[in-house]
Each structure stands twice: as C-alpha cells, then as structure tokens.
Amino acid sequence: MDRFDRYWIGILVGLLLPAIFGLTYIDVMNLWYPLQTLQFHAGGVLSKLLLVSVFPDLALIFVFYTTDTWRLSRGVLVGALPYILAAIIVSM
C-alpha cells in the first residue's frame, strides 16, 4: 500500500469520487427533472446533494487513517474541501 500513499492520488480521488457519487445519486433518485427546471436550488437540494456526495470521501479518509496511509488520506481531505465549501456557500 505504500506505493499508493501519494498526496496527488488522494487529491484526485477526493475530487472525482464525490462527482461520481453525486451523479449516481441524481440518477438513482430521479433528480434530473428538478435540475432541468431550475428548482434544484430553490429547496436547498443542491447543498444537501453536495454534502451527501462527500460521504464516500469521509469513509475513505477513515479507511486510509486506519491503514496508516497518511499522505493519501490528507489528499482525499483536501480534495473534499471544495465540495464542502461549495455546500456551505450555496446554503447561505
């Protein structure tokens, strides 16, 4: 596991995983219609979707901390920060 313990790999995973999870969540929950009719922001759905999409990153951070891959877990945390900040900004 030491060969994957790279900061940039963690950032890449931290940025891509929430996007993939968010798109999958939109598809499964049939949220395409509110997205197309611009009602997505009105009910605060966008901020909740951003926060839900960060959950896989938080689970990965826990797994990487328990396996002592510190750089990888820090990279995932840094990659998740834009989603967390966007959720906070959208909710205001």
C-alpha atoms as a PDB file:
ATOM      1  CA  MET A   1       0.000   0.000   0.000  1.00  0.00           C
ATOM      2  CA  ASP A   2       2.996   2.308   0.338  1.00  0.00           C
ATOM      3  CA  ARG A   3       3.300   2.786  -3.395  1.00  0.00           C
ATOM      4  CA  PHE A   4      -0.189   4.338  -3.472  1.00  0.00           C
ATOM      5  CA  ASP A   5       0.468   6.599  -0.478  1.00  0.00           C
ATOM      6  CA  ARG A   6       0.827   9.739  -2.581  1.00  0.00           C
ATOM      7  CA  TYR A   7      -0.701  13.137  -1.897  1.00  0.00           C
ATOM      8  CA  TRP A   8      -1.711  13.785  -5.519  1.00  0.00           C
ATOM      9  CA  ILE A   9      -3.511  10.435  -5.792  1.00  0.00           C
ATOM     10  CA  GLY A  10      -5.554  11.375  -2.742  1.00  0.00           C
ATOM     11  CA  ILE A  11      -6.463  14.760  -4.228  1.00  0.00           C
ATOM     12  CA  LEU A  12      -7.508  13.113  -7.474  1.00  0.00           C
ATOM     13  CA  VAL A  13      -9.655  10.543  -5.649  1.00  0.00           C
ATOM     14  CA  GLY A  14     -11.058  13.268  -3.385  1.00  0.00           C
ATOM     15  CA  LEU A  15     -12.166  15.336  -6.360  1.00  0.00           C
ATOM     16  CA  LEU A  16     -13.510  12.541  -8.570  1.00  0.00           C
ATOM     17  CA  LEU A  17     -15.324  10.304  -6.071  1.00  0.00           C
ATOM     18  CA  PRO A  18     -17.910  12.909  -4.918  1.00  0.00           C
ATOM     19  CA  ALA A  19     -18.658  13.853  -8.529  1.00  0.00           C
ATOM     20  CA  ILE A  20     -19.224  10.225  -9.494  1.00  0.00           C
ATOM     21  CA  PHE A  21     -21.270   9.542  -6.363  1.00  0.00           C
ATOM     22  CA  GLY A  22     -23.327  12.723  -6.858  1.00  0.00           C
ATOM     23  CA  LEU A  23     -24.154  11.887 -10.468  1.00  0.00           C
ATOM     24  CA  THR A  24     -25.086   8.344  -9.469  1.00  0.00           C
ATOM     25  CA  TYR A  25     -27.276   9.684  -6.667  1.00  0.00           C
ATOM     26  CA  ILE A  26     -29.027  12.085  -9.061  1.00  0.00           C
ATOM     27  CA  ASP A  27     -29.664   9.253 -11.492  1.00  0.00           C
ATOM     28  CA  VAL A  28     -30.956   6.800  -8.879  1.00  0.00           C
ATOM     29  CA  MET A  29     -33.173   9.317  -7.100  1.00  0.00           C
ATOM     30  CA  ASN A  30     -34.514  10.759 -10.383  1.00  0.00           C
ATOM     31  CA  LEU A  31     -33.460  14.334  -9.649  1.00  0.00           C
ATOM     32  CA  TRP A  32     -32.889  15.204 -13.313  1.00  0.00           C
ATOM     33  CA  TYR A  33     -36.272  16.919 -13.641  1.00  0.00           C
ATOM     34  CA  PRO A  34     -35.715  19.409 -10.779  1.00  0.00           C
ATOM     35  CA  LEU A  35     -32.242  20.035 -12.184  1.00  0.00           C
ATOM     36  CA  GLN A  36     -33.615  20.832 -15.629  1.00  0.00           C
ATOM     37  CA  THR A  37     -36.418  23.081 -14.348  1.00  0.00           C
ATOM     38  CA  LEU A  38     -34.085  25.145 -12.139  1.00  0.00           C
ATOM     39  CA  GLN A  39     -35.928  24.082  -8.983  1.00  0.00           C
ATOM     40  CA  PHE A  40     -32.770  22.401  -7.814  1.00  0.00           C
ATOM     41  CA  HIS A  41     -31.509  25.380  -5.844  1.00  0.00           C
ATOM     42  CA  ALA A  42     -34.860  26.571  -4.545  1.00  0.00           C
ATOM     43  CA  GLY A  43     -35.424  23.831  -1.971  1.00  0.00           C
ATOM     44  CA  GLY A  44     -31.851  23.650  -0.796  1.00  0.00           C
ATOM     45  CA  VAL A  45     -31.436  20.385  -2.654  1.00  0.00           C
ATOM     46  CA  LEU A  46     -28.125  21.424  -4.161  1.00  0.00           C
ATOM     47  CA  SER A  47     -26.396  21.999  -0.828  1.00  0.00           C
ATOM     48  CA  LYS A  48     -27.734  18.709   0.519  1.00  0.00           C
ATOM     49  CA  LEU A  49     -26.590  16.895  -2.621  1.00  0.00           C
ATOM     50  CA  LEU A  50     -23.099  18.349  -2.255  1.00  0.00           C
ATOM     51  CA  LEU A  51     -22.905  17.224   1.364  1.00  0.00           C
ATOM     52  CA  VAL A  52     -24.220  13.739   0.559  1.00  0.00           C
ATOM     53  CA  SER A  53     -21.649  13.369  -2.199  1.00  0.00           C
ATOM     54  CA  VAL A  54     -18.823  13.991   0.285  1.00  0.00           C
ATOM     55  CA  PHE A  55     -19.733  10.987   2.476  1.00  0.00           C
ATOM     56  CA  PRO A  56     -17.717   8.459   0.420  1.00  0.00           C
ATOM     57  CA  ASP A  57     -14.659  10.697   0.838  1.00  0.00           C
ATOM     58  CA  LEU A  58     -15.118  10.741   4.595  1.00  0.00           C
ATOM     59  CA  ALA A  59     -15.390   6.961   4.657  1.00  0.00           C
ATOM     60  CA  LEU A  60     -12.200   6.707   2.587  1.00  0.00           C
ATOM     61  CA  ILE A  61     -10.383   9.050   4.960  1.00  0.00           C
ATOM     62  CA  PHE A  62     -11.331   6.757   7.852  1.00  0.00           C
ATOM     63  CA  VAL A  63     -10.124   3.671   5.959  1.00  0.00           C
ATOM     64  CA  PHE A  64      -6.858   5.326   4.948  1.00  0.00           C
ATOM     65  CA  TYR A  65      -6.181   6.527   8.504  1.00  0.00           C
ATOM     66  CA  THR A  66      -6.671   3.035   9.877  1.00  0.00           C
ATOM     67  CA  THR A  67      -4.251   1.619   7.290  1.00  0.00           C
ATOM     68  CA  ASP A  68      -1.652   4.329   8.094  1.00  0.00           C
ATOM     69  CA  THR A  69      -1.588   5.873   4.619  1.00  0.00           C
ATOM     70  CA  TRP A  70      -1.347   9.426   5.908  1.00  0.00           C
ATOM     71  CA  ARG A  71      -0.498  11.274   2.694  1.00  0.00           C
ATOM     72  CA  LEU A  72      -3.301   9.589   0.787  1.00  0.00           C
ATOM     73  CA  SER A  73      -5.852  10.444   3.470  1.00  0.00           C
ATOM     74  CA  ARG A  74      -4.689  14.071   3.611  1.00  0.00           C
ATOM     75  CA  GLY A  75      -5.029  14.297  -0.165  1.00  0.00           C
ATOM     76  CA  VAL A  76      -8.585  12.952  -0.032  1.00  0.00           C
ATOM     77  CA  LEU A  77      -9.439  15.504   2.647  1.00  0.00           C
ATOM     78  CA  VAL A  78      -8.022  18.341   0.552  1.00  0.00           C
ATOM     79  CA  GLY A  79      -9.942  17.035  -2.472  1.00  0.00           C
ATOM     80  CA  ALA A  80     -13.188  17.007  -0.478  1.00  0.00           C
ATOM     81  CA  LEU A  81     -12.805  20.588   0.766  1.00  0.00           C
ATOM     82  CA  PRO A  82     -14.089  22.287  -2.433  1.00  0.00           C
ATOM     83  CA  TYR A  83     -17.322  20.291  -2.196  1.00  0.00           C
ATOM     84  CA  ILE A  84     -17.754  21.140   1.478  1.00  0.00           C
ATOM     85  CA  LEU A  85     -17.065  24.834   0.876  1.00  0.00           C
ATOM     86  CA  ALA A  86     -19.453  24.879  -2.110  1.00  0.00           C
ATOM     87  CA  ALA A  87     -22.207  23.334   0.040  1.00  0.00           C
ATOM     88  CA  ILE A  88     -21.674  25.987   2.708  1.00  0.00           C
ATOM     89  CA  ILE A  89     -21.700  28.824   0.159  1.00  0.00           C
ATOM     90  CA  VAL A  90     -24.817  27.525  -1.609  1.00  0.00           C
ATOM     91  CA  SER A  91     -26.718  27.108   1.659  1.00  0.00           C
ATOM     92  CA  MET A  92     -26.229  30.751   2.618  1.00  0.00           C
END
